[in-house]
Amino acid sequence: MKNISDPKQLLVSAIESGTVIDHIPAVTLFKVIKILGLDKIKNQITFGTNLESKTDGRKAIIKIAGKFFEDDDINRIALVAPNAKLNIIKDYQVVEKRVVSVPDNITAIAKCMNPKCITNFEKVTTRFKVVSKKPLALKCHYCEKITDQERLEII
């Protein structure tokens, strides 16, 4: 048991029910928040960034009380956090662990890197086919240009 009075320890309260997303690269924390729409929900959210990690160097973590995600939603975060891990919590216990994976199709998350693409000057929802998962490469449904990891912009 941890000593609560120890000033060197950071305590984050456990959640009774919800989702914990761990092993997010610290630099992509806010992209994950945006991708999942967490900036628009009323649930209690706790996050930490630049936390020490033996495997990732610096990582971030997000705890969302009372919120569970569909596989599609979760797998979209693989675009910016390919090693993220999810813990599904019920009655304060981890009842399921999931690993994210890049889906085959991406809709309304990324911007096409082609400035002449119709999606960049008309109200058209972006759609991509994933042509490579490592390294990430997305082929635009409309202009067929490839957007790679370096030029990936989350919308």
N, C-alpha and C. Protein backbone atom coordinates (compact mmCIF):
# COMPACT_ATOMS: atom_id res chain seq x y z
N MET A 1 0.84 -1.18 0.00
CA MET A 1 0.00 0.00 0.00
C MET A 1 0.89 1.25 0.00
N LYS A 2 0.51 2.22 -0.78
CA LYS A 2 1.28 3.45 -0.88
C LYS A 2 0.98 4.37 0.30
N ASN A 3 1.99 5.08 0.72
CA ASN A 3 1.84 6.03 1.81
C ASN A 3 1.23 7.30 1.25
N ILE A 4 0.01 7.62 1.66
CA ILE A 4 -0.71 8.77 1.13
C ILE A 4 -0.02 10.08 1.48
N SER A 5 0.69 10.11 2.58
CA SER A 5 1.34 11.36 2.99
C SER A 5 2.69 11.57 2.31
N ASP A 6 3.12 10.61 1.49
CA ASP A 6 4.40 10.74 0.78
C ASP A 6 4.27 11.79 -0.32
N PRO A 7 4.96 12.94 -0.21
CA PRO A 7 4.80 14.01 -1.20
C PRO A 7 5.38 13.65 -2.56
N LYS A 8 6.12 12.56 -2.67
CA LYS A 8 6.71 12.18 -3.95
C LYS A 8 5.75 11.37 -4.81
N GLN A 9 4.62 10.98 -4.26
CA GLN A 9 3.69 10.14 -5.00
C GLN A 9 2.50 10.96 -5.48
N LEU A 10 2.10 10.67 -6.71
CA LEU A 10 0.94 11.32 -7.31
C LEU A 10 -0.21 10.31 -7.27
N LEU A 11 -1.30 10.70 -6.68
CA LEU A 11 -2.44 9.80 -6.60
C LEU A 11 -3.51 10.26 -7.58
N VAL A 12 -3.97 9.32 -8.40
CA VAL A 12 -5.07 9.58 -9.31
C VAL A 12 -6.16 8.59 -8.92
N SER A 13 -7.34 9.10 -8.66
CA SER A 13 -8.40 8.23 -8.17
C SER A 13 -8.79 7.20 -9.22
N ALA A 14 -9.13 6.02 -8.72
CA ALA A 14 -9.60 4.95 -9.59
C ALA A 14 -10.99 5.30 -10.11
N ILE A 15 -11.34 4.74 -11.26
CA ILE A 15 -12.69 4.97 -11.76
C ILE A 15 -13.50 3.68 -11.55
N GLU A 16 -14.76 3.86 -11.23
CA GLU A 16 -15.63 2.71 -10.97
C GLU A 16 -15.94 1.97 -12.27
N SER A 17 -16.18 2.75 -13.31
CA SER A 17 -16.58 2.19 -14.59
C SER A 17 -16.13 3.13 -15.70
N GLY A 18 -15.55 2.60 -16.75
CA GLY A 18 -15.10 3.45 -17.85
C GLY A 18 -13.91 2.86 -18.57
N THR A 19 -13.13 3.73 -19.20
CA THR A 19 -12.02 3.30 -20.03
C THR A 19 -10.74 4.04 -19.63
N VAL A 20 -9.65 3.30 -19.57
CA VAL A 20 -8.33 3.89 -19.36
C VAL A 20 -7.52 3.62 -20.63
N ILE A 21 -6.97 4.68 -21.21
CA ILE A 21 -6.12 4.56 -22.38
C ILE A 21 -4.70 4.87 -21.92
N ASP A 22 -3.82 3.90 -22.06
CA ASP A 22 -2.45 4.02 -21.57
C ASP A 22 -1.48 3.88 -22.74
N HIS A 23 -0.25 4.24 -22.50
CA HIS A 23 0.84 4.13 -23.49
C HIS A 23 0.60 5.01 -24.71
N ILE A 24 0.07 6.19 -24.47
CA ILE A 24 -0.09 7.19 -25.53
C ILE A 24 1.21 7.99 -25.56
N PRO A 25 1.83 8.18 -26.73
CA PRO A 25 3.01 9.05 -26.76
C PRO A 25 2.63 10.44 -26.21
N ALA A 26 3.44 10.97 -25.32
CA ALA A 26 3.12 12.24 -24.66
C ALA A 26 2.82 13.35 -25.67
N VAL A 27 3.53 13.37 -26.79
CA VAL A 27 3.34 14.44 -27.77
C VAL A 27 2.02 14.33 -28.52
N THR A 28 1.33 13.19 -28.42
CA THR A 28 0.07 13.04 -29.16
C THR A 28 -1.17 13.02 -28.27
N LEU A 29 -1.01 13.29 -26.98
CA LEU A 29 -2.13 13.24 -26.05
C LEU A 29 -3.33 14.05 -26.55
N PHE A 30 -3.11 15.29 -26.94
CA PHE A 30 -4.23 16.15 -27.31
C PHE A 30 -4.83 15.75 -28.66
N LYS A 31 -4.06 15.11 -29.51
CA LYS A 31 -4.62 14.57 -30.76
C LYS A 31 -5.58 13.43 -30.44
N VAL A 32 -5.22 12.57 -29.48
CA VAL A 32 -6.10 11.48 -29.09
C VAL A 32 -7.39 12.04 -28.49
N ILE A 33 -7.26 13.05 -27.66
CA ILE A 33 -8.45 13.69 -27.06
C ILE A 33 -9.37 14.21 -28.16
N LYS A 34 -8.79 14.83 -29.18
CA LYS A 34 -9.59 15.36 -30.29
C LYS A 34 -10.22 14.24 -31.12
N ILE A 35 -9.43 13.22 -31.47
CA ILE A 35 -9.94 12.12 -32.28
C ILE A 35 -11.14 11.45 -31.62
N LEU A 36 -11.09 11.28 -30.31
CA LEU A 36 -12.17 10.61 -29.59
C LEU A 36 -13.29 11.57 -29.19
N GLY A 37 -13.13 12.86 -29.48
CA GLY A 37 -14.17 13.82 -29.13
C GLY A 37 -14.30 14.05 -27.63
N LEU A 38 -13.23 13.79 -26.88
CA LEU A 38 -13.29 13.92 -25.43
C LEU A 38 -13.40 15.38 -24.98
N ASP A 39 -13.06 16.30 -25.88
CA ASP A 39 -13.18 17.72 -25.56
C ASP A 39 -14.63 18.19 -25.60
N LYS A 40 -15.56 17.30 -25.98
CA LYS A 40 -16.96 17.69 -26.11
C LYS A 40 -17.90 16.91 -25.19
N ILE A 41 -17.36 16.02 -24.35
CA ILE A 41 -18.24 15.23 -23.50
C ILE A 41 -18.23 15.75 -22.06
N LYS A 42 -19.24 15.37 -21.32
CA LYS A 42 -19.41 15.85 -19.95
C LYS A 42 -18.87 14.87 -18.89
N ASN A 43 -18.41 13.70 -19.32
CA ASN A 43 -17.89 12.71 -18.38
C ASN A 43 -16.64 13.23 -17.67
N GLN A 44 -16.40 12.68 -16.49
CA GLN A 44 -15.16 13.02 -15.78
C GLN A 44 -13.99 12.41 -16.54
N ILE A 45 -13.00 13.25 -16.84
CA ILE A 45 -11.81 12.80 -17.56
C ILE A 45 -10.59 13.23 -16.76
N THR A 46 -9.68 12.29 -16.56
CA THR A 46 -8.42 12.58 -15.92
C THR A 46 -7.32 12.21 -16.91
N PHE A 47 -6.37 13.11 -17.11
CA PHE A 47 -5.26 12.74 -17.98
C PHE A 47 -3.96 13.24 -17.39
N GLY A 48 -2.91 12.55 -17.76
CA GLY A 48 -1.57 12.94 -17.34
C GLY A 48 -0.66 12.81 -18.54
N THR A 49 0.33 13.66 -18.60
CA THR A 49 1.25 13.60 -19.72
C THR A 49 2.68 13.76 -19.23
N ASN A 50 3.61 13.36 -20.07
CA ASN A 50 5.03 13.37 -19.74
C ASN A 50 5.34 12.52 -18.51
N LEU A 51 4.62 11.41 -18.38
CA LEU A 51 4.85 10.47 -17.29
C LEU A 51 5.96 9.52 -17.72
N GLU A 52 6.76 9.10 -16.77
CA GLU A 52 7.86 8.19 -17.09
C GLU A 52 7.31 6.83 -17.48
N SER A 53 7.95 6.24 -18.49
CA SER A 53 7.58 4.91 -18.94
C SER A 53 8.85 4.15 -19.30
N LYS A 54 8.97 2.93 -18.79
CA LYS A 54 10.15 2.13 -19.09
C LYS A 54 10.22 1.76 -20.57
N THR A 55 9.05 1.57 -21.19
CA THR A 55 9.03 1.14 -22.59
C THR A 55 8.91 2.29 -23.58
N ASP A 56 8.28 3.40 -23.18
CA ASP A 56 7.98 4.48 -24.12
C ASP A 56 8.75 5.78 -23.86
N GLY A 57 9.60 5.80 -22.87
CA GLY A 57 10.27 7.05 -22.52
C GLY A 57 9.32 7.96 -21.77
N ARG A 58 8.57 8.76 -22.49
CA ARG A 58 7.53 9.61 -21.90
C ARG A 58 6.19 9.21 -22.49
N LYS A 59 5.20 9.10 -21.64
CA LYS A 59 3.89 8.67 -22.11
C LYS A 59 2.80 9.54 -21.49
N ALA A 60 1.59 9.33 -22.01
CA ALA A 60 0.40 9.98 -21.47
C ALA A 60 -0.63 8.89 -21.16
N ILE A 61 -1.58 9.25 -20.33
CA ILE A 61 -2.66 8.33 -19.96
C ILE A 61 -3.95 9.14 -19.86
N ILE A 62 -5.07 8.51 -20.21
CA ILE A 62 -6.38 9.15 -20.11
C ILE A 62 -7.32 8.18 -19.41
N LYS A 63 -8.06 8.69 -18.42
CA LYS A 63 -9.10 7.91 -17.75
C LYS A 63 -10.43 8.61 -18.02
N ILE A 64 -11.40 7.87 -18.57
CA ILE A 64 -12.71 8.44 -18.87
C ILE A 64 -13.75 7.65 -18.10
N ALA A 65 -14.39 8.30 -17.13
CA ALA A 65 -15.40 7.64 -16.31
C ALA A 65 -16.70 7.49 -17.10
N GLY A 66 -17.30 6.30 -16.99
CA GLY A 66 -18.61 6.08 -17.57
C GLY A 66 -18.65 6.08 -19.09
N LYS A 67 -17.53 5.88 -19.75
CA LYS A 67 -17.50 5.93 -21.21
C LYS A 67 -16.80 4.69 -21.76
N PHE A 68 -17.48 4.06 -22.72
CA PHE A 68 -16.91 2.91 -23.42
C PHE A 68 -16.97 3.23 -24.91
N PHE A 69 -16.01 2.76 -25.65
CA PHE A 69 -15.90 3.11 -27.06
C PHE A 69 -16.11 1.89 -27.95
N GLU A 70 -16.61 2.17 -29.15
CA GLU A 70 -16.69 1.13 -30.18
C GLU A 70 -15.28 0.87 -30.70
N ASP A 71 -15.03 -0.32 -31.22
CA ASP A 71 -13.72 -0.66 -31.75
C ASP A 71 -13.26 0.34 -32.81
N ASP A 72 -14.19 0.76 -33.67
CA ASP A 72 -13.85 1.73 -34.72
C ASP A 72 -13.27 3.01 -34.15
N ASP A 73 -13.90 3.53 -33.10
CA ASP A 73 -13.43 4.77 -32.47
C ASP A 73 -12.03 4.58 -31.90
N ILE A 74 -11.86 3.49 -31.19
CA ILE A 74 -10.59 3.23 -30.54
C ILE A 74 -9.48 3.02 -31.57
N ASN A 75 -9.76 2.28 -32.62
CA ASN A 75 -8.72 1.99 -33.59
C ASN A 75 -8.27 3.24 -34.34
N ARG A 76 -9.09 4.28 -34.37
CA ARG A 76 -8.67 5.52 -35.02
C ARG A 76 -7.51 6.18 -34.28
N ILE A 77 -7.40 5.95 -32.98
CA ILE A 77 -6.29 6.57 -32.26
C ILE A 77 -4.96 5.93 -32.63
N ALA A 78 -5.02 4.75 -33.27
CA ALA A 78 -3.79 4.09 -33.72
C ALA A 78 -3.05 4.94 -34.74
N LEU A 79 -3.75 5.88 -35.37
CA LEU A 79 -3.09 6.78 -36.34
C LEU A 79 -2.01 7.61 -35.67
N VAL A 80 -2.24 7.99 -34.41
CA VAL A 80 -1.28 8.84 -33.71
C VAL A 80 -0.67 8.17 -32.47
N ALA A 81 -1.27 7.07 -32.03
CA ALA A 81 -0.78 6.35 -30.84
C ALA A 81 -0.84 4.84 -31.12
N PRO A 82 0.04 4.35 -32.00
CA PRO A 82 -0.05 2.96 -32.44
C PRO A 82 0.19 1.91 -31.36
N ASN A 83 0.78 2.29 -30.24
CA ASN A 83 1.04 1.32 -29.16
C ASN A 83 0.12 1.50 -27.97
N ALA A 84 -0.94 2.26 -28.15
CA ALA A 84 -1.87 2.52 -27.04
C ALA A 84 -2.53 1.22 -26.58
N LYS A 85 -2.79 1.17 -25.29
CA LYS A 85 -3.47 0.02 -24.69
C LYS A 85 -4.71 0.54 -23.97
N LEU A 86 -5.78 -0.23 -24.03
CA LEU A 86 -7.02 0.14 -23.37
C LEU A 86 -7.36 -0.84 -22.28
N ASN A 87 -7.80 -0.30 -21.17
CA ASN A 87 -8.32 -1.13 -20.08
C ASN A 87 -9.76 -0.73 -19.88
N ILE A 88 -10.66 -1.71 -19.96
CA ILE A 88 -12.08 -1.49 -19.72
C ILE A 88 -12.31 -1.80 -18.24
N ILE A 89 -12.87 -0.82 -17.53
CA ILE A 89 -13.05 -0.92 -16.08
C ILE A 89 -14.53 -1.06 -15.74
N LYS A 90 -14.84 -2.03 -14.87
CA LYS A 90 -16.19 -2.19 -14.33
C LYS A 90 -16.04 -2.57 -12.87
N ASP A 91 -16.77 -1.91 -12.00
CA ASP A 91 -16.68 -2.13 -10.55
C ASP A 91 -15.24 -2.06 -10.07
N TYR A 92 -14.50 -1.06 -10.54
CA TYR A 92 -13.11 -0.78 -10.16
C TYR A 92 -12.12 -1.86 -10.60
N GLN A 93 -12.55 -2.80 -11.43
CA GLN A 93 -11.67 -3.89 -11.87
C GLN A 93 -11.47 -3.82 -13.39
N VAL A 94 -10.28 -4.19 -13.85
CA VAL A 94 -10.04 -4.31 -15.28
C VAL A 94 -10.72 -5.60 -15.74
N VAL A 95 -11.72 -5.45 -16.62
CA VAL A 95 -12.44 -6.63 -17.11
C VAL A 95 -12.05 -7.00 -18.53
N GLU A 96 -11.37 -6.09 -19.21
CA GLU A 96 -10.93 -6.37 -20.58
C GLU A 96 -9.74 -5.48 -20.92
N LYS A 97 -8.81 -6.04 -21.66
CA LYS A 97 -7.67 -5.26 -22.17
C LYS A 97 -7.70 -5.34 -23.69
N ARG A 98 -7.45 -4.19 -24.33
CA ARG A 98 -7.44 -4.14 -25.79
C ARG A 98 -6.19 -3.42 -26.27
N VAL A 99 -5.76 -3.78 -27.47
CA VAL A 99 -4.66 -3.11 -28.14
C VAL A 99 -5.25 -2.47 -29.40
N VAL A 100 -4.86 -1.24 -29.69
CA VAL A 100 -5.38 -0.57 -30.87
C VAL A 100 -4.70 -1.10 -32.13
N SER A 101 -5.41 -0.99 -33.24
CA SER A 101 -4.80 -1.32 -34.53
C SER A 101 -5.35 -0.35 -35.57
N VAL A 102 -4.54 -0.04 -36.55
CA VAL A 102 -4.95 0.90 -37.59
C VAL A 102 -6.05 0.24 -38.42
N PRO A 103 -7.21 0.90 -38.56
CA PRO A 103 -8.29 0.32 -39.37
C PRO A 103 -7.95 0.38 -40.87
N ASP A 104 -8.73 -0.31 -41.68
CA ASP A 104 -8.49 -0.34 -43.12
C ASP A 104 -8.95 0.94 -43.82
N ASN A 105 -9.93 1.63 -43.23
CA ASN A 105 -10.46 2.86 -43.81
C ASN A 105 -10.54 3.94 -42.75
N ILE A 106 -10.28 5.17 -43.15
CA ILE A 106 -10.30 6.31 -42.24
C ILE A 106 -11.28 7.33 -42.81
N THR A 107 -12.25 7.76 -42.00
CA THR A 107 -13.25 8.73 -42.45
C THR A 107 -13.33 9.88 -41.47
N ALA A 108 -13.24 11.10 -42.01
CA ALA A 108 -13.48 12.34 -41.25
C ALA A 108 -12.53 12.55 -40.08
N ILE A 109 -11.29 12.05 -40.18
CA ILE A 109 -10.32 12.25 -39.10
C ILE A 109 -9.09 12.98 -39.60
N ALA A 110 -8.64 12.61 -40.78
CA ALA A 110 -7.40 13.16 -41.31
C ALA A 110 -7.68 14.08 -42.50
N LYS A 111 -6.75 14.98 -42.73
CA LYS A 111 -6.83 15.92 -43.84
C LYS A 111 -5.96 15.40 -44.99
N CYS A 112 -6.46 15.55 -46.20
CA CYS A 112 -5.66 15.16 -47.37
C CYS A 112 -4.54 16.18 -47.54
N MET A 113 -3.35 15.67 -47.81
CA MET A 113 -2.19 16.57 -47.94
C MET A 113 -2.15 17.30 -49.28
N ASN A 114 -3.00 16.88 -50.23
CA ASN A 114 -3.03 17.52 -51.55
C ASN A 114 -3.85 18.81 -51.47
N PRO A 115 -3.22 19.97 -51.63
CA PRO A 115 -3.96 21.24 -51.52
C PRO A 115 -5.04 21.39 -52.59
N LYS A 116 -4.95 20.63 -53.68
CA LYS A 116 -5.96 20.73 -54.74
C LYS A 116 -7.11 19.73 -54.58
N CYS A 117 -7.03 18.89 -53.55
CA CYS A 117 -8.09 17.89 -53.31
C CYS A 117 -9.40 18.60 -52.99
N ILE A 118 -10.49 18.06 -53.50
CA ILE A 118 -11.82 18.65 -53.27
C ILE A 118 -12.14 18.78 -51.78
N THR A 119 -11.59 17.89 -50.95
CA THR A 119 -11.88 17.92 -49.52
C THR A 119 -11.28 19.15 -48.83
N ASN A 120 -10.34 19.80 -49.50
CA ASN A 120 -9.69 20.97 -48.90
C ASN A 120 -10.32 22.30 -49.28
N PHE A 121 -11.31 22.27 -50.18
CA PHE A 121 -11.96 23.55 -50.50
C PHE A 121 -13.48 23.44 -50.65
N GLU A 122 -14.04 22.25 -50.43
CA GLU A 122 -15.49 22.08 -50.41
C GLU A 122 -15.86 21.27 -49.17
N LYS A 123 -17.12 21.33 -48.78
CA LYS A 123 -17.58 20.59 -47.60
C LYS A 123 -17.80 19.13 -47.98
N VAL A 124 -16.71 18.41 -48.08
CA VAL A 124 -16.73 16.99 -48.43
C VAL A 124 -15.99 16.25 -47.32
N THR A 125 -16.60 15.21 -46.80
CA THR A 125 -15.97 14.41 -45.74
C THR A 125 -14.78 13.65 -46.30
N THR A 126 -13.65 13.74 -45.61
CA THR A 126 -12.46 13.03 -46.07
C THR A 126 -12.63 11.53 -45.89
N ARG A 127 -12.10 10.78 -46.85
CA ARG A 127 -12.13 9.32 -46.82
C ARG A 127 -10.81 8.80 -47.34
N PHE A 128 -10.22 7.87 -46.61
CA PHE A 128 -8.95 7.30 -47.00
C PHE A 128 -8.99 5.79 -46.90
N LYS A 129 -8.23 5.15 -47.77
CA LYS A 129 -7.95 3.72 -47.66
C LYS A 129 -6.53 3.62 -47.10
N VAL A 130 -6.35 2.79 -46.10
CA VAL A 130 -5.02 2.60 -45.53
C VAL A 130 -4.27 1.64 -46.44
N VAL A 131 -3.21 2.14 -47.08
CA VAL A 131 -2.43 1.30 -48.00
C VAL A 131 -1.20 0.71 -47.32
N SER A 132 -0.81 1.28 -46.18
CA SER A 132 0.28 0.73 -45.38
C SER A 132 0.06 1.13 -43.92
N LYS A 133 0.22 0.17 -43.02
CA LYS A 133 0.05 0.45 -41.59
C LYS A 133 1.37 0.81 -40.93
N LYS A 134 2.47 0.24 -41.43
CA LYS A 134 3.80 0.57 -40.91
C LYS A 134 4.76 0.63 -42.08
N PRO A 135 5.24 1.75 -42.48
CA PRO A 135 4.84 3.08 -42.00
C PRO A 135 3.45 3.44 -42.52
N LEU A 136 2.78 4.30 -41.79
CA LEU A 136 1.40 4.67 -42.12
C LEU A 136 1.35 5.41 -43.46
N ALA A 137 0.43 4.97 -44.32
CA ALA A 137 0.19 5.65 -45.60
C ALA A 137 -1.29 5.54 -45.92
N LEU A 138 -1.91 6.70 -46.18
CA LEU A 138 -3.34 6.77 -46.46
C LEU A 138 -3.57 7.26 -47.88
N LYS A 139 -4.40 6.56 -48.64
CA LYS A 139 -4.71 6.97 -50.01
C LYS A 139 -6.08 7.64 -50.02
N CYS A 140 -6.11 8.88 -50.49
CA CYS A 140 -7.35 9.66 -50.55
C CYS A 140 -8.34 9.02 -51.53
N HIS A 141 -9.57 8.90 -51.10
CA HIS A 141 -10.64 8.34 -51.92
C HIS A 141 -10.92 9.22 -53.15
N TYR A 142 -10.73 10.52 -53.03
CA TYR A 142 -11.10 11.47 -54.09
C TYR A 142 -9.96 11.75 -55.07
N CYS A 143 -8.80 12.11 -54.57
CA CYS A 143 -7.70 12.50 -55.48
C CYS A 143 -6.64 11.42 -55.63
N GLU A 144 -6.72 10.39 -54.79
CA GLU A 144 -5.81 9.25 -54.82
C GLU A 144 -4.38 9.56 -54.43
N LYS A 145 -4.14 10.74 -53.87
CA LYS A 145 -2.79 11.07 -53.36
C LYS A 145 -2.57 10.34 -52.04
N ILE A 146 -1.30 10.07 -51.76
CA ILE A 146 -0.92 9.36 -50.52
C ILE A 146 -0.50 10.39 -49.46
N THR A 147 -1.08 10.26 -48.28
CA THR A 147 -0.67 11.05 -47.12
C THR A 147 0.08 10.11 -46.20
N ASP A 148 1.32 10.46 -45.87
CA ASP A 148 2.11 9.61 -45.00
C ASP A 148 2.09 10.13 -43.56
N GLN A 149 2.71 9.39 -42.66
CA GLN A 149 2.73 9.72 -41.23
C GLN A 149 3.29 11.12 -40.98
N GLU A 150 4.33 11.49 -41.70
CA GLU A 150 4.95 12.80 -41.49
C GLU A 150 4.04 13.96 -41.86
N ARG A 151 3.18 13.75 -42.86
CA ARG A 151 2.29 14.83 -43.31
C ARG A 151 0.86 14.66 -42.82
N LEU A 152 0.63 13.68 -41.94
CA LEU A 152 -0.70 13.43 -41.41
C LEU A 152 -1.15 14.59 -40.53
N GLU A 153 -2.30 15.14 -40.85
CA GLU A 153 -2.88 16.22 -40.06
C GLU A 153 -4.27 15.80 -39.62
N ILE A 154 -4.48 15.78 -38.32
CA ILE A 154 -5.78 15.41 -37.76
C ILE A 154 -6.71 16.61 -37.84
N ILE A 155 -7.96 16.37 -38.27
CA ILE A 155 -8.92 17.48 -38.37
C ILE A 155 -9.97 17.40 -37.29
